[in-house]
Amino acid sequence: MTAATVPMPGTATPAAAPTTFGWPQVVRIGLVQACLGAVVVLMTATLNRVMVVELGLPASVPGVLVLLHFVVQLWLRPRLGFGADRSGRRTAWIVGGVALLAASGVAASATTMLIERSRPLGLAAAAVAFVFLGAGVSGAGTPLLAILAERVPERRRSAAAATVWLMMIAGFIVTTLLASRGLAPYSHARLVSVTAAVGLTCMVVTCIAVIGLDRGPRVALAAAEATTGASFAGALRGVLREPVARAFSVFIFLSMFAYSAQDLILEPYAGLVYGLSPRESTAISGMHQAGLLVGMLLCAALAMRVGTPRHWASVGCAASAVFFVALALSPLAGSVPLLRVILMGLGVANGAFAIGAISTMMTLTADAGDRTSGLRMGIFGAAQAVGTGIGQFLGAAGSDVSRALLGGVSLGYGAVFGAEALMFTIAAYFAMRSAPTARLSAGAVQGQSDRLLAVMH
């Protein structure tokens, strides 16, 4: 891509408006997001179970591996997002990221055979594979969401976010259903074969889906970098100096921490407190997932008519806090039907907050006007990844510690749910701070861009 004129040192290059995406392009991005989810769910769910059940490892081992793949994204997402900004060709980064993701998924599956022979060597290899898994997610997911933020018109962002995330959830479901058939009867070799088949399918789908997504007028940050000496550290400091960007990053971290802390404890809670069988607890957990889908669809439909995405994010967080308090107090009633209603309501609130958060993320990324979409999406994605990883780990560990200290199963889980309610309440406050009080004019945006480029060194 080329600019119309060669910029003088210290000035920003005027960019032509990028071509906007219609629904076919949004669906194609959703297909790629579904591919990312397909590989990740095999690692975080199926491989997790194999390590604990078939290999007899403590549950903390796959938990640490999953946490590792989240933690490496703290640095990789902003760094790779910045690299994609400079190149101006995001589809190449997406394809490369999916390729790395698929390869590392196969490698992680293959470590099951190595763990049987030598646990230290096998676990060391698994740790390396999960580091590259995090790198693949960062390399593909960050520029993918940056394209979505840049090209989707503001009025469609909530609906586009819902479409992409629903397709990702559909990818989870389809992958787990097909994998369950392909893994019967189970063997480590079958796991590797299934993972390889999923990875190859995702590669083909991704290569087809991204064709032409980079078309249209664009100006790469590389042009500005060549004349101003821009650096990743300088650009990162420039974005993090912005109060709105900082507030939104804190919101993302807190809300994803609060949301993810229940991931690993909801079904054990239903089993230990309500005496439900594995089949019944899975069905109960499904109520939360069903509510999540309803909340996403409702928010996507209403956000185009009522309020703004950040309002929906804040309302969703506040409602989530209320339902977590209800979940903590529900053993007092001891009613399974009431538990179902609470989990359904919690899912709806979580879905509303999720779509509001994603839409706000897209708005803050696209409206900055400084050609750092990938970097901004990387910063927000890093906050999301670290919040999710730490939330899952501490949610499970916190329930064990709380149960031991408080001397009761209900009290122990209730303490974790209460902490989640508190974090969602704080997140609701930061969500409302995650937007400027007024929309910037074109001249102000250009001035902001010039100031940002000036501090990059």
Protein backbone atom coordinates (compact mmCIF):
# COMPACT_ATOMS: atom_id res chain seq x y z
CA MET A 1 0.00 0.00 0.00
CA THR A 2 1.27 3.49 -0.76
CA ALA A 3 0.40 6.93 0.50
CA ALA A 4 -0.61 9.74 -1.82
CA THR A 5 2.32 11.88 -0.69
CA VAL A 6 5.60 11.29 1.07
CA PRO A 7 5.32 12.70 4.61
CA MET A 8 7.88 15.06 6.04
CA PRO A 9 9.61 13.88 9.22
CA GLY A 10 7.48 14.44 12.31
CA THR A 11 4.18 14.54 10.43
CA ALA A 12 1.45 11.94 10.05
CA THR A 13 0.38 10.60 6.72
CA PRO A 14 -3.22 11.40 5.78
CA ALA A 15 -5.07 8.14 5.27
CA ALA A 16 -7.92 7.39 2.98
CA ALA A 17 -10.96 5.95 4.70
CA PRO A 18 -10.83 2.14 4.65
CA THR A 19 -13.49 0.19 2.79
CA THR A 20 -16.29 -0.77 5.17
CA PHE A 21 -17.33 -4.38 5.67
CA GLY A 22 -20.78 -5.77 4.97
CA TRP A 23 -22.23 -8.90 6.56
CA PRO A 24 -20.43 -11.35 4.21
CA GLN A 25 -17.06 -10.05 5.43
CA VAL A 26 -18.22 -10.13 9.06
CA VAL A 27 -19.24 -13.78 8.64
CA ARG A 28 -15.85 -14.58 7.12
CA ILE A 29 -14.12 -13.04 10.12
CA GLY A 30 -16.46 -15.08 12.32
CA LEU A 31 -15.31 -18.24 10.53
CA VAL A 32 -11.69 -17.47 11.37
CA GLN A 33 -12.63 -16.74 14.98
CA ALA A 34 -14.44 -20.09 15.07
CA CYS A 35 -11.25 -21.75 13.80
CA LEU A 36 -9.22 -20.18 16.60
CA GLY A 37 -11.76 -21.40 19.13
CA ALA A 38 -11.79 -24.89 17.63
CA VAL A 39 -8.10 -25.49 18.26
CA VAL A 40 -8.07 -23.78 21.66
CA VAL A 41 -11.04 -25.76 22.98
CA LEU A 42 -9.26 -29.03 22.19
CA MET A 43 -6.31 -27.85 24.28
CA THR A 44 -8.21 -26.37 27.21
CA ALA A 45 -10.97 -29.00 27.46
CA THR A 46 -10.09 -32.31 25.78
CA LEU A 47 -6.34 -32.30 26.47
CA ASN A 48 -7.07 -31.04 29.99
CA ARG A 49 -9.26 -34.08 30.66
CA VAL A 50 -6.74 -36.50 29.11
CA MET A 51 -3.94 -35.22 31.33
CA VAL A 52 -6.04 -35.59 34.48
CA VAL A 53 -7.93 -38.83 33.74
CA GLU A 54 -5.90 -40.90 31.30
CA LEU A 55 -2.44 -39.71 32.43
CA GLY A 56 -3.30 -39.33 36.13
CA LEU A 57 -1.76 -35.87 36.52
CA PRO A 58 -2.93 -33.42 39.18
CA ALA A 59 -5.56 -30.99 37.85
CA SER A 60 -3.19 -28.13 38.59
CA VAL A 61 -0.80 -29.29 35.85
CA PRO A 62 -3.06 -28.60 32.85
CA GLY A 63 -4.30 -25.57 34.77
CA VAL A 64 -0.77 -24.14 34.84
CA LEU A 65 -0.29 -24.96 31.14
CA VAL A 66 -3.49 -23.13 30.19
CA LEU A 67 -2.46 -20.21 32.40
CA LEU A 68 0.92 -20.16 30.63
CA HIS A 69 -0.69 -19.79 27.22
CA PHE A 70 -2.67 -16.82 28.56
CA VAL A 71 0.27 -15.15 30.32
CA VAL A 72 2.53 -15.08 27.23
CA GLN A 73 -0.19 -13.07 25.50
CA LEU A 74 0.44 -10.18 27.91
CA TRP A 75 3.46 -9.17 25.82
CA LEU A 76 2.79 -10.93 22.52
CA ARG A 77 -0.62 -9.45 21.75
CA PRO A 78 0.49 -5.78 21.82
CA ARG A 79 3.81 -6.59 20.15
CA LEU A 80 2.33 -8.60 17.30
CA GLY A 81 -0.53 -6.14 16.92
CA PHE A 82 2.04 -3.36 16.47
CA GLY A 83 3.87 -5.46 13.90
CA ALA A 84 0.66 -5.98 11.96
CA ASP A 85 0.02 -2.20 12.06
CA ARG A 86 3.44 -1.50 10.59
CA SER A 87 3.12 -4.08 7.83
CA GLY A 88 -0.34 -2.94 6.74
CA ARG A 89 -1.10 -6.51 5.58
CA ARG A 90 -3.01 -8.10 8.42
CA THR A 91 -4.23 -11.19 6.58
CA ALA A 92 -0.67 -12.54 6.34
CA TRP A 93 -0.38 -12.27 10.12
CA ILE A 94 -3.72 -14.01 10.57
CA VAL A 95 -2.78 -16.95 8.34
CA GLY A 96 0.63 -17.24 10.00
CA GLY A 97 -0.94 -17.17 13.45
CA VAL A 98 -3.45 -19.89 12.60
CA ALA A 99 -0.65 -22.02 11.14
CA LEU A 100 1.38 -21.64 14.35
CA LEU A 101 -1.72 -22.34 16.43
CA ALA A 102 -2.52 -25.53 14.53
CA ALA A 103 1.08 -26.77 14.67
CA SER A 104 1.43 -26.08 18.39
CA GLY A 105 -1.90 -27.81 19.03
CA VAL A 106 -0.64 -30.96 17.32
CA ALA A 107 2.62 -30.71 19.26
CA ALA A 108 0.76 -30.32 22.56
CA SER A 109 -1.36 -33.40 21.79
CA ALA A 110 1.74 -35.41 20.91
CA THR A 111 3.27 -34.67 24.32
CA THR A 112 0.72 -37.07 25.85
CA MET A 113 2.78 -39.96 24.45
CA LEU A 114 5.99 -38.42 25.75
CA ILE A 115 4.50 -37.81 29.21
CA GLU A 116 3.77 -41.55 29.53
CA ARG A 117 7.45 -42.31 29.01
CA SER A 118 9.01 -39.41 30.90
CA ARG A 119 6.89 -36.97 32.85
CA PRO A 120 9.55 -34.27 33.28
CA LEU A 121 10.49 -34.31 29.60
CA GLY A 122 6.89 -34.55 28.44
CA LEU A 123 5.70 -31.70 30.64
CA ALA A 124 8.62 -29.52 29.54
CA ALA A 125 7.66 -30.16 25.91
CA ALA A 126 4.01 -29.40 26.73
CA ALA A 127 5.02 -26.08 28.31
CA VAL A 128 6.89 -25.10 25.13
CA ALA A 129 3.89 -26.14 23.00
CA PHE A 130 1.52 -24.01 25.11
CA VAL A 131 3.83 -20.99 24.81
CA PHE A 132 3.60 -21.29 21.02
CA LEU A 133 -0.14 -21.85 21.36
CA GLY A 134 -0.39 -18.46 23.04
CA ALA A 135 1.78 -16.97 20.30
CA GLY A 136 -0.52 -18.37 17.61
CA VAL A 137 -3.63 -16.97 19.30
CA SER A 138 -1.92 -13.59 19.62
CA GLY A 139 -0.64 -13.52 16.06
CA ALA A 140 -3.98 -14.43 14.49
CA GLY A 141 -6.57 -13.03 16.90
CA THR A 142 -5.18 -9.52 17.38
CA PRO A 143 -5.01 -8.41 13.71
CA LEU A 144 -8.31 -10.21 13.05
CA LEU A 145 -10.14 -8.09 15.62
CA ALA A 146 -8.27 -4.97 14.47
CA ILE A 147 -9.65 -5.46 10.94
CA LEU A 148 -13.14 -5.95 12.36
CA ALA A 149 -12.85 -2.76 14.43
CA GLU A 150 -11.52 -0.69 11.52
CA ARG A 151 -13.91 -1.81 8.82
CA VAL A 152 -17.30 -2.28 10.50
CA PRO A 153 -19.44 0.89 10.65
CA GLU A 154 -20.32 2.10 14.15
CA ARG A 155 -24.03 1.30 13.84
CA ARG A 156 -23.26 -2.37 13.15
CA ARG A 157 -20.56 -2.99 15.72
CA SER A 158 -22.71 -4.60 18.41
CA ALA A 159 -24.40 -6.89 15.90
CA ALA A 160 -21.05 -7.71 14.26
CA ALA A 161 -19.49 -8.50 17.65
CA ALA A 162 -22.40 -10.81 18.50
CA THR A 163 -22.14 -12.55 15.12
CA VAL A 164 -18.41 -13.20 15.46
CA TRP A 165 -18.62 -14.42 19.06
CA LEU A 166 -21.65 -16.63 18.40
CA MET A 167 -19.76 -18.22 15.52
CA MET A 168 -16.83 -18.82 17.86
CA ILE A 169 -19.13 -20.54 20.35
CA ALA A 170 -20.57 -22.60 17.49
CA GLY A 171 -16.98 -23.59 16.67
CA PHE A 172 -16.56 -24.80 20.24
CA ILE A 173 -19.70 -26.92 20.02
CA VAL A 174 -19.02 -28.43 16.59
CA THR A 175 -15.41 -29.25 17.46
CA THR A 176 -16.24 -30.97 20.73
CA LEU A 177 -19.02 -33.02 19.10
CA LEU A 178 -16.86 -34.17 16.20
CA ALA A 179 -13.82 -34.76 18.42
CA SER A 180 -15.86 -36.92 20.80
CA ARG A 181 -16.68 -39.23 17.89
CA GLY A 182 -13.18 -39.23 16.46
CA LEU A 183 -11.63 -40.08 19.82
CA ALA A 184 -13.67 -43.26 20.37
CA PRO A 185 -12.02 -45.54 21.38
CA TYR A 186 -9.45 -43.23 22.92
CA SER A 187 -5.72 -43.45 22.28
CA HIS A 188 -3.01 -40.82 22.32
CA ALA A 189 -2.44 -41.41 18.61
CA ARG A 190 -6.12 -40.72 17.92
CA LEU A 191 -5.88 -37.47 19.86
CA VAL A 192 -2.96 -36.35 17.70
CA SER A 193 -4.83 -37.36 14.53
CA VAL A 194 -8.00 -35.51 15.52
CA THR A 195 -6.04 -32.40 16.49
CA ALA A 196 -4.16 -32.51 13.18
CA ALA A 197 -7.42 -32.88 11.24
CA VAL A 198 -8.96 -29.93 13.07
CA GLY A 199 -5.82 -27.85 12.55
CA LEU A 200 -5.66 -28.61 8.82
CA THR A 201 -9.35 -27.82 8.39
CA CYS A 202 -8.89 -24.52 10.22
CA MET A 203 -5.95 -23.62 7.99
CA VAL A 204 -7.96 -24.23 4.81
CA VAL A 205 -11.00 -22.33 6.09
CA THR A 206 -8.83 -19.41 7.24
CA CYS A 207 -6.94 -19.12 3.94
CA ILE A 208 -10.24 -19.00 2.04
CA ALA A 209 -11.99 -16.66 4.51
CA VAL A 210 -9.31 -13.95 4.53
CA ILE A 211 -9.03 -13.58 0.74
CA GLY A 212 -9.46 -9.92 -0.12
CA LEU A 213 -10.01 -8.66 3.45
CA ASP A 214 -6.99 -6.36 3.14
CA ARG A 215 -8.32 -4.73 -0.02
CA GLY A 216 -9.24 -1.06 0.01
CA PRO A 217 -7.30 2.09 0.83
CA ARG A 218 -5.01 1.60 3.82
CA VAL A 219 -1.91 3.29 5.11
CA ALA A 220 0.52 1.14 7.04
CA LEU A 221 2.14 2.52 10.15
CA ALA A 222 5.44 1.48 8.54
CA ALA A 223 5.40 4.68 6.47
CA ALA A 224 5.22 6.82 9.57
CA GLU A 225 7.79 4.60 11.31
CA ALA A 226 10.30 5.18 8.53
CA THR A 227 10.19 8.95 9.02
CA THR A 228 9.69 9.32 12.76
CA GLY A 229 11.75 6.44 14.17
CA ALA A 230 8.69 4.89 15.79
CA SER A 231 9.25 2.01 18.18
CA PHE A 232 7.00 -0.48 19.86
CA ALA A 233 7.89 0.86 23.32
CA GLY A 234 7.16 4.43 22.30
CA ALA A 235 3.83 3.55 20.70
CA LEU A 236 2.85 1.44 23.71
CA ARG A 237 3.62 4.29 26.12
CA GLY A 238 1.65 6.67 23.94
CA VAL A 239 -1.50 4.54 24.09
CA LEU A 240 -1.18 3.79 27.79
CA ARG A 241 -0.91 7.49 28.57
CA GLU A 242 -4.51 7.91 27.44
CA PRO A 243 -6.89 7.83 30.45
CA VAL A 244 -9.66 6.15 28.44
CA ALA A 245 -7.36 3.38 27.19
CA ARG A 246 -6.09 2.75 30.73
CA ALA A 247 -9.60 2.71 32.20
CA PHE A 248 -10.84 0.29 29.55
CA SER A 249 -7.85 -2.01 30.06
CA VAL A 250 -8.62 -2.13 33.80
CA PHE A 251 -12.28 -2.81 33.01
CA ILE A 252 -11.40 -5.67 30.67
CA PHE A 253 -9.04 -7.25 33.19
CA LEU A 254 -11.48 -7.01 36.12
CA SER A 255 -14.54 -8.15 34.17
CA MET A 256 -12.78 -11.12 32.56
CA PHE A 257 -11.26 -12.09 35.91
CA ALA A 258 -14.73 -12.02 37.47
CA TYR A 259 -16.33 -13.85 34.55
CA SER A 260 -13.67 -16.57 34.30
CA ALA A 261 -13.36 -17.35 38.00
CA GLN A 262 -16.53 -19.46 37.84
CA ASP A 263 -15.45 -21.50 34.79
CA LEU A 264 -13.87 -24.38 36.69
CA ILE A 265 -16.05 -24.36 39.81
CA LEU A 266 -19.64 -24.04 38.62
CA GLU A 267 -20.24 -27.74 37.98
CA PRO A 268 -18.37 -28.90 41.13
CA TYR A 269 -20.50 -26.40 43.08
CA ALA A 270 -23.70 -27.90 41.69
CA GLY A 271 -22.49 -31.40 42.52
CA LEU A 272 -21.16 -30.78 46.02
CA VAL A 273 -23.77 -28.30 47.27
CA TYR A 274 -26.90 -29.59 45.50
CA GLY A 275 -25.90 -33.24 45.15
CA LEU A 276 -26.38 -33.29 41.38
CA SER A 277 -24.96 -36.07 39.22
CA PRO A 278 -22.39 -35.25 36.48
CA ARG A 279 -25.16 -35.40 33.89
CA GLU A 280 -27.40 -33.09 35.95
CA SER A 281 -24.61 -30.62 36.73
CA THR A 282 -23.71 -30.45 33.04
CA ALA A 283 -27.34 -29.66 32.21
CA ILE A 284 -27.37 -26.99 34.93
CA SER A 285 -24.20 -25.46 33.48
CA GLY A 286 -25.93 -25.49 30.10
CA MET A 287 -28.51 -23.06 31.51
CA HIS A 288 -25.73 -20.53 31.98
CA GLN A 289 -24.50 -21.07 28.41
CA ALA A 290 -28.03 -20.72 27.05
CA GLY A 291 -28.47 -17.47 28.97
CA LEU A 292 -25.15 -16.25 27.58
CA LEU A 293 -26.40 -16.69 24.02
CA VAL A 294 -29.70 -14.95 24.86
CA GLY A 295 -27.87 -12.05 26.48
CA MET A 296 -25.61 -11.61 23.47
CA LEU A 297 -28.51 -11.56 21.04
CA LEU A 298 -30.59 -9.19 23.18
CA CYS A 299 -27.71 -6.77 23.66
CA ALA A 300 -26.84 -6.83 19.97
CA ALA A 301 -30.44 -6.01 19.08
CA LEU A 302 -31.03 -3.34 21.74
CA ALA A 303 -27.63 -1.61 21.65
CA MET A 304 -28.37 -0.29 18.16
CA ARG A 305 -31.43 1.54 19.54
CA VAL A 306 -30.87 2.21 23.25
CA GLY A 307 -27.77 3.53 25.00
CA THR A 308 -24.16 2.96 23.97
CA PRO A 309 -21.98 -0.18 24.12
CA ARG A 310 -20.21 1.02 27.27
CA HIS A 311 -23.59 1.50 28.99
CA TRP A 312 -24.51 -2.08 28.14
CA ALA A 313 -21.13 -3.29 29.35
CA SER A 314 -21.65 -1.49 32.66
CA VAL A 315 -25.25 -2.68 33.05
CA GLY A 316 -24.19 -6.24 32.23
CA CYS A 317 -21.45 -6.10 34.88
CA ALA A 318 -23.81 -4.70 37.52
CA ALA A 319 -26.45 -7.34 36.74
CA SER A 320 -23.78 -10.06 36.84
CA ALA A 321 -22.80 -8.88 40.33
CA VAL A 322 -26.41 -9.17 41.49
CA PHE A 323 -26.75 -12.71 40.15
CA PHE A 324 -23.44 -13.80 41.71
CA VAL A 325 -24.72 -12.60 45.09
CA ALA A 326 -27.91 -14.59 44.46
CA LEU A 327 -25.79 -17.63 43.52
CA ALA A 328 -23.80 -17.33 46.75
CA LEU A 329 -27.02 -17.16 48.81
CA SER A 330 -28.94 -19.82 46.85
CA PRO A 331 -28.02 -22.75 49.17
CA LEU A 332 -30.22 -21.10 51.82
CA ALA A 333 -33.24 -21.96 49.66
CA GLY A 334 -31.85 -25.30 48.48
CA SER A 335 -33.99 -25.17 45.34
CA VAL A 336 -32.61 -26.62 42.11
CA PRO A 337 -35.25 -24.82 39.98
CA LEU A 338 -34.17 -21.55 41.60
CA LEU A 339 -30.54 -22.42 40.81
CA ARG A 340 -31.52 -22.85 37.16
CA VAL A 341 -33.20 -19.44 37.09
CA ILE A 342 -30.18 -17.77 38.71
CA LEU A 343 -27.75 -19.36 36.25
CA MET A 344 -29.95 -18.42 33.31
CA GLY A 345 -30.09 -14.82 34.57
CA LEU A 346 -26.34 -14.80 35.17
CA GLY A 347 -25.79 -15.97 31.59
CA VAL A 348 -28.01 -13.22 30.18
CA ALA A 349 -26.13 -10.59 32.21
CA ASN A 350 -22.76 -12.04 31.16
CA GLY A 351 -23.83 -12.01 27.50
CA ALA A 352 -24.88 -8.36 27.69
CA PHE A 353 -21.60 -7.36 29.31
CA ALA A 354 -19.60 -9.36 26.76
CA ILE A 355 -21.18 -7.75 23.69
CA GLY A 356 -21.03 -4.30 25.29
CA ALA A 357 -17.34 -4.82 26.08
CA ILE A 358 -16.43 -6.11 22.62
CA SER A 359 -18.34 -3.31 20.90
CA THR A 360 -16.66 -0.70 23.12
CA MET A 361 -13.30 -2.27 22.36
CA MET A 362 -13.99 -1.95 18.64
CA THR A 363 -15.11 1.67 19.03
CA LEU A 364 -12.06 2.74 21.07
CA THR A 365 -9.81 0.99 18.56
CA ALA A 366 -11.41 2.35 15.39
CA ASP A 367 -12.10 5.89 16.59
CA ALA A 368 -8.55 6.62 17.79
CA GLY A 369 -7.58 7.74 14.28
CA ASP A 370 -3.84 7.14 14.81
CA ARG A 371 -3.32 3.96 12.81
CA THR A 372 -2.53 1.85 15.88
CA SER A 373 -5.55 -0.44 15.71
CA GLY A 374 -3.52 -3.62 16.08
CA LEU A 375 -1.55 -2.24 19.02
CA ARG A 376 -4.68 -1.04 20.81
CA MET A 377 -6.48 -4.32 20.19
CA GLY A 378 -3.35 -6.10 21.42
CA ILE A 379 -3.33 -4.12 24.68
CA PHE A 380 -7.01 -4.81 25.30
CA GLY A 381 -6.59 -8.44 24.25
CA ALA A 382 -3.66 -8.84 26.63
CA ALA A 383 -5.80 -7.54 29.50
CA GLN A 384 -8.52 -10.01 28.51
CA ALA A 385 -6.14 -12.98 28.25
CA VAL A 386 -4.39 -12.33 31.55
CA GLY A 387 -7.67 -11.65 33.34
CA THR A 388 -9.12 -14.89 31.98
CA GLY A 389 -6.10 -17.01 32.85
CA ILE A 390 -5.62 -15.65 36.35
CA GLY A 391 -9.38 -15.74 36.98
CA GLN A 392 -9.68 -19.40 36.07
CA PHE A 393 -6.67 -20.38 38.14
CA LEU A 394 -7.50 -18.33 41.23
CA GLY A 395 -11.20 -19.20 41.02
CA ALA A 396 -10.40 -22.90 41.41
CA ALA A 397 -7.64 -22.33 43.96
CA GLY A 398 -9.72 -19.78 45.86
CA SER A 399 -12.61 -22.20 46.25
CA ASP A 400 -10.27 -24.79 47.81
CA VAL A 401 -8.71 -22.26 50.18
CA SER A 402 -12.08 -20.73 51.13
CA ARG A 403 -13.61 -24.13 51.83
CA ALA A 404 -10.67 -25.02 54.10
CA LEU A 405 -10.67 -21.70 55.96
CA LEU A 406 -14.43 -21.32 56.34
CA GLY A 407 -15.07 -24.97 57.12
CA GLY A 408 -17.95 -25.49 54.72
CA VAL A 409 -18.54 -26.23 51.06
CA SER A 410 -21.35 -23.68 50.62
CA LEU A 411 -19.44 -20.97 52.46
CA GLY A 412 -16.27 -21.65 50.47
CA TYR A 413 -17.93 -21.39 47.08
CA GLY A 414 -20.05 -18.50 48.30
CA ALA A 415 -16.93 -16.54 49.18
CA VAL A 416 -15.62 -16.92 45.62
CA PHE A 417 -18.97 -15.90 44.12
CA GLY A 418 -19.05 -12.89 46.46
CA ALA A 419 -15.56 -11.87 45.31
CA GLU A 420 -16.71 -12.15 41.69
CA ALA A 421 -19.69 -9.92 42.48
CA LEU A 422 -17.37 -7.30 43.99
CA MET A 423 -15.05 -7.35 40.97
CA PHE A 424 -17.97 -7.04 38.55
CA THR A 425 -19.21 -4.03 40.54
CA ILE A 426 -15.82 -2.32 40.26
CA ALA A 427 -15.66 -3.26 36.57
CA ALA A 428 -19.04 -1.55 36.00
CA TYR A 429 -17.52 1.69 37.28
CA PHE A 430 -14.51 1.46 34.97
CA ALA A 431 -16.77 0.63 32.03
CA MET A 432 -18.48 4.00 32.41
CA ARG A 433 -15.09 5.71 32.42
CA SER A 434 -14.07 3.94 29.21
CA ALA A 435 -15.25 6.57 26.75
CA PRO A 436 -14.48 10.24 26.09
CA THR A 437 -17.17 12.72 27.09
CA ALA A 438 -17.44 13.96 23.51
CA ARG A 439 -16.58 12.59 20.10
CA LEU A 440 -13.36 14.03 18.65
CA SER A 441 -13.50 16.20 15.58
CA ALA A 442 -11.46 15.26 12.53
CA GLY A 443 -8.93 17.98 13.34
CA ALA A 444 -8.60 16.81 16.92
CA VAL A 445 -8.07 13.24 15.76
CA GLN A 446 -5.32 14.39 13.40
CA GLY A 447 -3.71 16.39 16.19
CA GLN A 448 -3.88 13.40 18.50
CA SER A 449 -2.24 11.27 15.81
CA ASP A 450 0.55 13.81 15.37
CA ARG A 451 1.20 13.92 19.11
CA LEU A 452 1.28 10.12 19.34
CA LEU A 453 3.74 9.80 16.46
CA ALA A 454 5.90 12.53 18.00
CA VAL A 455 6.45 10.55 21.21
CA MET A 456 7.30 7.31 19.39
CA HIS A 457 11.01 6.73 19.45
